[in-house]
Protein backbone atom coordinates (compact mmCIF):
# COMPACT_ATOMS: atom_id res chain seq x y z
CA MET A 1 148.82 -114.67 105.28
CA GLY A 2 146.24 -115.50 107.97
CA THR A 3 145.61 -113.78 111.23
CA THR A 4 146.66 -115.27 114.55
CA PRO A 5 144.95 -114.82 117.91
CA PHE A 6 148.10 -113.53 119.55
CA HIS A 7 151.20 -111.72 118.37
CA VAL A 8 154.50 -112.04 120.26
CA GLY A 9 155.93 -108.62 121.00
CA LEU A 10 152.74 -106.79 120.27
CA THR A 11 152.24 -103.75 122.63
CA ALA A 12 150.04 -100.74 122.99
CA VAL A 13 152.73 -98.73 121.38
CA THR A 14 153.02 -100.90 118.23
CA VAL A 15 149.28 -101.03 117.98
CA THR A 16 149.19 -97.18 118.11
CA ASP A 17 152.02 -97.10 115.58
CA ALA A 18 149.86 -99.09 113.12
CA ALA A 19 146.79 -96.93 113.87
CA VAL A 20 148.73 -93.75 113.15
CA ALA A 21 150.01 -95.18 109.85
CA LEU A 22 146.38 -96.13 108.87
CA THR A 23 145.33 -92.63 109.74
CA ARG A 24 148.01 -90.98 107.65
CA GLU A 25 146.99 -93.33 104.75
CA SER A 26 143.36 -92.51 104.91
CA HIS A 27 141.46 -90.87 107.70
CA LEU A 28 140.98 -91.39 111.52
CA TYR A 29 137.34 -92.18 110.89
CA ALA A 30 137.74 -94.15 107.82
CA TRP A 31 139.34 -97.37 109.28
CA SER A 32 137.97 -99.87 111.75
CA VAL A 33 139.40 -102.13 114.50
CA ARG A 34 139.09 -104.93 112.09
CA ASP A 35 141.14 -103.07 109.47
CA LEU A 36 143.76 -102.39 112.03
CA ALA A 37 143.82 -106.07 113.16
CA ARG A 38 144.25 -107.11 109.48
CA ALA A 39 147.18 -104.83 109.15
CA LEU A 40 148.78 -106.23 112.29
CA GLU A 41 147.84 -109.88 111.22
CA VAL A 42 145.93 -110.59 114.50
CA VAL A 43 142.37 -111.00 115.43
CA PRO A 44 140.47 -107.90 116.63
CA SER A 45 140.33 -109.13 120.22
CA VAL A 46 144.04 -108.69 120.47
CA ILE A 47 143.57 -104.92 119.59
CA TYR A 48 141.02 -104.63 122.23
CA HIS A 49 143.22 -106.32 124.77
CA HIS A 50 146.10 -103.90 124.18
CA VAL A 51 144.35 -100.60 123.57
CA GLY A 52 140.64 -100.98 123.56
CA GLY A 53 137.99 -100.10 120.98
CA LYS A 54 137.93 -97.48 118.37
CA ASP A 55 137.49 -94.55 120.84
CA GLY A 56 140.62 -95.48 122.85
CA LEU A 57 142.50 -95.88 119.51
CA ALA A 58 141.42 -92.56 118.17
CA ARG A 59 142.43 -90.87 121.38
CA ALA A 60 145.79 -92.60 121.36
CA VAL A 61 146.37 -91.47 117.70
CA ALA A 62 145.41 -87.94 118.47
CA GLU A 63 147.71 -87.78 121.55
CA ARG A 64 150.56 -89.21 119.47
CA VAL A 65 150.05 -86.64 116.74
CA LEU A 66 149.80 -83.66 119.11
CA GLY A 67 152.27 -84.88 121.76
CA GLY A 68 155.18 -83.52 119.92
CA LEU A 69 153.94 -79.95 119.59
CA PRO A 70 156.59 -77.38 120.49
CA LEU A 71 155.79 -74.96 123.28
CA PRO A 72 156.23 -71.39 121.90
CA SER A 73 158.32 -69.04 123.94
CA ALA A 74 156.57 -67.17 126.73
CA SER A 75 158.57 -64.07 125.68
CA LEU A 76 156.30 -63.76 122.60
CA SER A 77 153.28 -61.52 122.49
CA TRP A 78 150.10 -63.43 122.75
CA GLU A 79 149.37 -62.79 119.03
CA ALA A 80 152.72 -64.10 117.89
CA TRP A 81 152.43 -67.01 120.46
CA PHE A 82 149.26 -68.30 118.99
CA ARG A 83 150.38 -67.69 115.37
CA GLU A 84 153.37 -69.98 116.18
CA LEU A 85 151.21 -72.58 117.95
CA LEU A 86 148.43 -72.72 115.39
CA ALA A 87 151.00 -72.99 112.45
CA ALA A 88 152.52 -76.02 114.26
CA ILE A 89 149.08 -77.61 114.84
CA TYR A 90 148.37 -77.26 111.14
CA ASP A 91 151.71 -78.80 110.09
CA GLU A 92 151.05 -81.82 112.41
CA THR A 93 147.33 -82.49 111.98
CA VAL A 94 147.13 -82.04 108.19
CA LEU A 95 149.21 -85.09 107.77
CA TYR A 96 146.78 -87.18 109.73
CA PRO A 97 143.19 -86.56 108.45
CA GLY A 98 140.53 -86.77 111.13
CA VAL A 99 142.71 -85.80 114.07
CA ALA A 100 141.53 -82.21 113.76
CA LYS A 101 137.96 -83.40 113.95
CA TRP A 102 138.76 -85.49 117.14
CA VAL A 103 140.32 -82.40 118.63
CA VAL A 104 137.15 -80.27 117.87
CA LEU A 105 134.88 -82.91 119.39
CA HIS A 106 136.92 -83.90 122.48
CA GLY A 107 139.53 -81.18 123.14
CA PRO A 108 143.24 -81.80 123.27
CA VAL A 109 143.40 -82.51 126.98
CA PHE A 110 146.47 -84.73 127.11
CA PRO A 111 149.24 -84.58 129.77
CA SER A 112 151.75 -83.63 127.06
CA VAL A 113 149.48 -80.70 125.81
CA LEU A 114 148.42 -79.26 129.24
CA PRO A 115 151.49 -77.03 129.60
CA ILE A 116 150.65 -75.57 126.17
CA ILE A 117 147.04 -74.86 127.35
CA ASP A 118 148.17 -73.41 130.60
CA ARG A 119 150.71 -71.00 129.01
CA GLY A 120 148.14 -69.91 126.37
CA VAL A 121 145.52 -69.13 128.87
CA ARG A 122 147.95 -67.29 131.13
CA LEU A 123 149.24 -65.21 128.22
CA LEU A 124 145.63 -64.21 127.33
CA GLU A 125 144.93 -63.49 130.97
CA ASP A 126 148.05 -61.16 131.19
CA ALA A 127 146.94 -59.47 127.92
CA GLY A 128 143.87 -58.33 129.62
CA PHE A 129 141.16 -60.83 128.65
CA GLY A 130 140.65 -61.68 132.24
CA PRO A 131 137.66 -64.10 132.65
CA ASP A 132 137.31 -64.37 128.93
CA ALA A 133 140.78 -65.76 128.55
CA VAL A 134 139.65 -69.57 128.35
CA ALA A 135 136.81 -68.51 125.71
CA ALA A 136 139.49 -66.63 123.77
CA TYR A 137 141.80 -69.66 123.82
CA ALA A 138 138.97 -71.98 122.63
CA THR A 139 137.87 -69.51 120.00
CA LEU A 140 141.40 -69.36 118.58
CA LEU A 141 141.87 -73.13 118.72
CA ASN A 142 138.44 -74.08 117.33
CA ASN A 143 138.32 -71.55 114.44
CA ALA A 144 141.63 -72.86 113.19
CA VAL A 145 141.15 -76.55 113.71
CA LEU A 146 137.65 -76.55 112.26
CA THR A 147 139.11 -75.39 108.89
CA ILE A 148 141.35 -78.46 108.89
CA SER A 149 138.54 -80.70 109.94
CA VAL A 150 136.35 -79.62 107.12
CA SER A 151 138.98 -80.33 104.55
CA ASP A 152 139.81 -83.72 106.13
CA ASP A 153 136.06 -84.64 105.94
CA ARG A 154 136.02 -83.94 102.32
CA LEU A 155 138.53 -86.96 101.94
CA LEU A 156 135.68 -89.18 103.16
CA HIS A 157 133.39 -88.28 100.42
CA GLU A 158 135.57 -88.22 97.29
CA ASP A 159 137.49 -90.84 95.19
CA ASP A 160 140.06 -88.32 93.92
CA GLY A 161 140.49 -84.72 93.58
CA PRO A 162 140.23 -84.18 89.84
CA ARG A 163 136.98 -86.35 89.63
CA ASP A 164 135.57 -84.30 92.45
CA HIS A 165 136.62 -81.10 90.74
CA ALA A 166 134.94 -82.17 87.46
CA ALA A 167 131.71 -83.03 89.27
CA MET A 168 131.60 -79.65 91.02
CA MET A 169 132.40 -77.74 87.81
CA ALA A 170 129.63 -79.64 86.00
CA ASP A 171 127.23 -78.71 88.79
CA PHE A 172 128.16 -75.09 88.46
CA GLU A 173 127.72 -75.14 84.74
CA ARG A 174 124.19 -76.32 85.15
CA VAL A 175 123.37 -73.17 87.32
CA ALA A 176 122.44 -70.29 85.04
CA VAL A 177 124.59 -67.25 85.88
CA ASP A 178 124.11 -64.35 83.62
CA ASP A 179 126.32 -61.88 85.35
CA PRO A 180 129.93 -62.59 84.12
CA ASP A 181 131.37 -60.83 87.23
CA LEU A 182 129.28 -63.01 89.62
CA ARG A 183 130.22 -66.06 87.61
CA ALA A 184 133.99 -65.28 87.73
CA ARG A 185 133.84 -64.63 91.52
CA ALA A 186 131.99 -67.98 92.03
CA LEU A 187 134.48 -69.92 89.92
CA ALA A 188 137.37 -68.27 91.89
CA LEU A 189 135.77 -69.40 95.16
CA VAL A 190 135.16 -72.99 94.11
CA ARG A 191 138.07 -73.83 91.90
CA PRO A 192 141.08 -73.61 94.35
CA PHE A 193 139.44 -75.79 97.04
CA SER A 194 138.06 -78.48 94.65
CA SER A 195 140.77 -78.99 92.08
CA GLY A 196 142.89 -81.29 94.15
CA GLY A 197 146.70 -81.55 94.21
CA GLU A 198 149.13 -78.79 95.20
CA GLU A 199 146.65 -76.01 94.21
CA ALA A 200 144.17 -77.11 96.67
CA SER A 201 146.77 -77.68 99.35
CA ARG A 202 148.07 -74.07 98.89
CA SER A 203 144.51 -72.62 99.00
CA ARG A 204 143.63 -74.51 102.17
CA ARG A 205 146.78 -73.32 103.88
CA LEU A 206 146.15 -69.67 102.77
CA TYR A 207 142.61 -69.97 104.06
CA TYR A 208 143.86 -71.51 107.38
CA ASP A 209 146.35 -68.54 107.80
CA PHE A 210 143.65 -66.01 106.94
CA THR A 211 141.27 -67.60 109.54
CA VAL A 212 143.98 -67.52 112.23
CA GLU A 213 144.82 -63.88 111.53
CA THR A 214 141.29 -62.73 111.35
CA THR A 215 140.57 -64.51 114.71
CA ILE A 216 143.52 -62.82 116.26
CA ARG A 217 142.54 -59.38 114.92
CA GLY A 218 138.94 -59.83 116.10
CA LEU A 219 140.08 -60.70 119.60
CA ARG A 220 142.50 -57.77 119.54
CA ALA A 221 139.66 -55.45 118.57
CA ARG A 222 137.52 -56.96 121.44
CA LEU A 223 140.32 -56.39 123.88
CA ALA A 224 140.48 -52.65 122.89
CA GLU A 225 136.74 -52.14 123.45
CA PRO A 226 135.74 -50.32 126.74
CA ALA A 227 134.65 -52.59 129.57
CA ASP A 228 130.91 -53.15 129.78
CA PRO A 229 129.88 -51.71 133.23
CA THR A 230 126.65 -53.85 133.24
CA ARG A 231 128.54 -57.09 132.87
CA ASP A 232 128.47 -59.52 135.75
CA PRO A 233 132.19 -60.22 136.58
CA GLY A 234 131.32 -63.47 138.37
């Protein structure tokens, strides 16, 4: 079926719907405006008319994916609040490869997300982080979302999990490792993340949770440190 210059009933919402679907099927940075136009059976100029170029589309997809994030209860401790928030972010963004990378590069500054940012920073201020509250918030978000982004980007450079796993294992076999303990540790590090399928998914989630928990504990330890009297409070 050929494309048409116009499409009756096409709106910014339906264009975004299609962009979200393409992202879930592949990666936010793997499809083009032309691909989206082909999926909607229109010419690219129609997409530009309704939403704009790829930058605008990427923002619309990210906002759609993150727009439904639940706001954790303000009655939680800051540690529990961020565990709940970051778990929800994982559950949403892992389904739409590339969205995490967009968040790292641009920040999730959408009207629907602003209440979450405001509450998170206020909790950190109340916990005692003071002028460091914004930096603490950014550290929690970036450390977590970067782990998703790295896994997502792997999808851009592989045809399938098992083939990629085989290539990585072959590369490892070519490296001479005489120490059996070192070899075992190296294999244990590589195999779960490169094998594909459910094993890789479980390993990535465990690593994500480990990163979140380690960041929280690091910030908690920083909070317990005595104040630096030489620091400029301004």
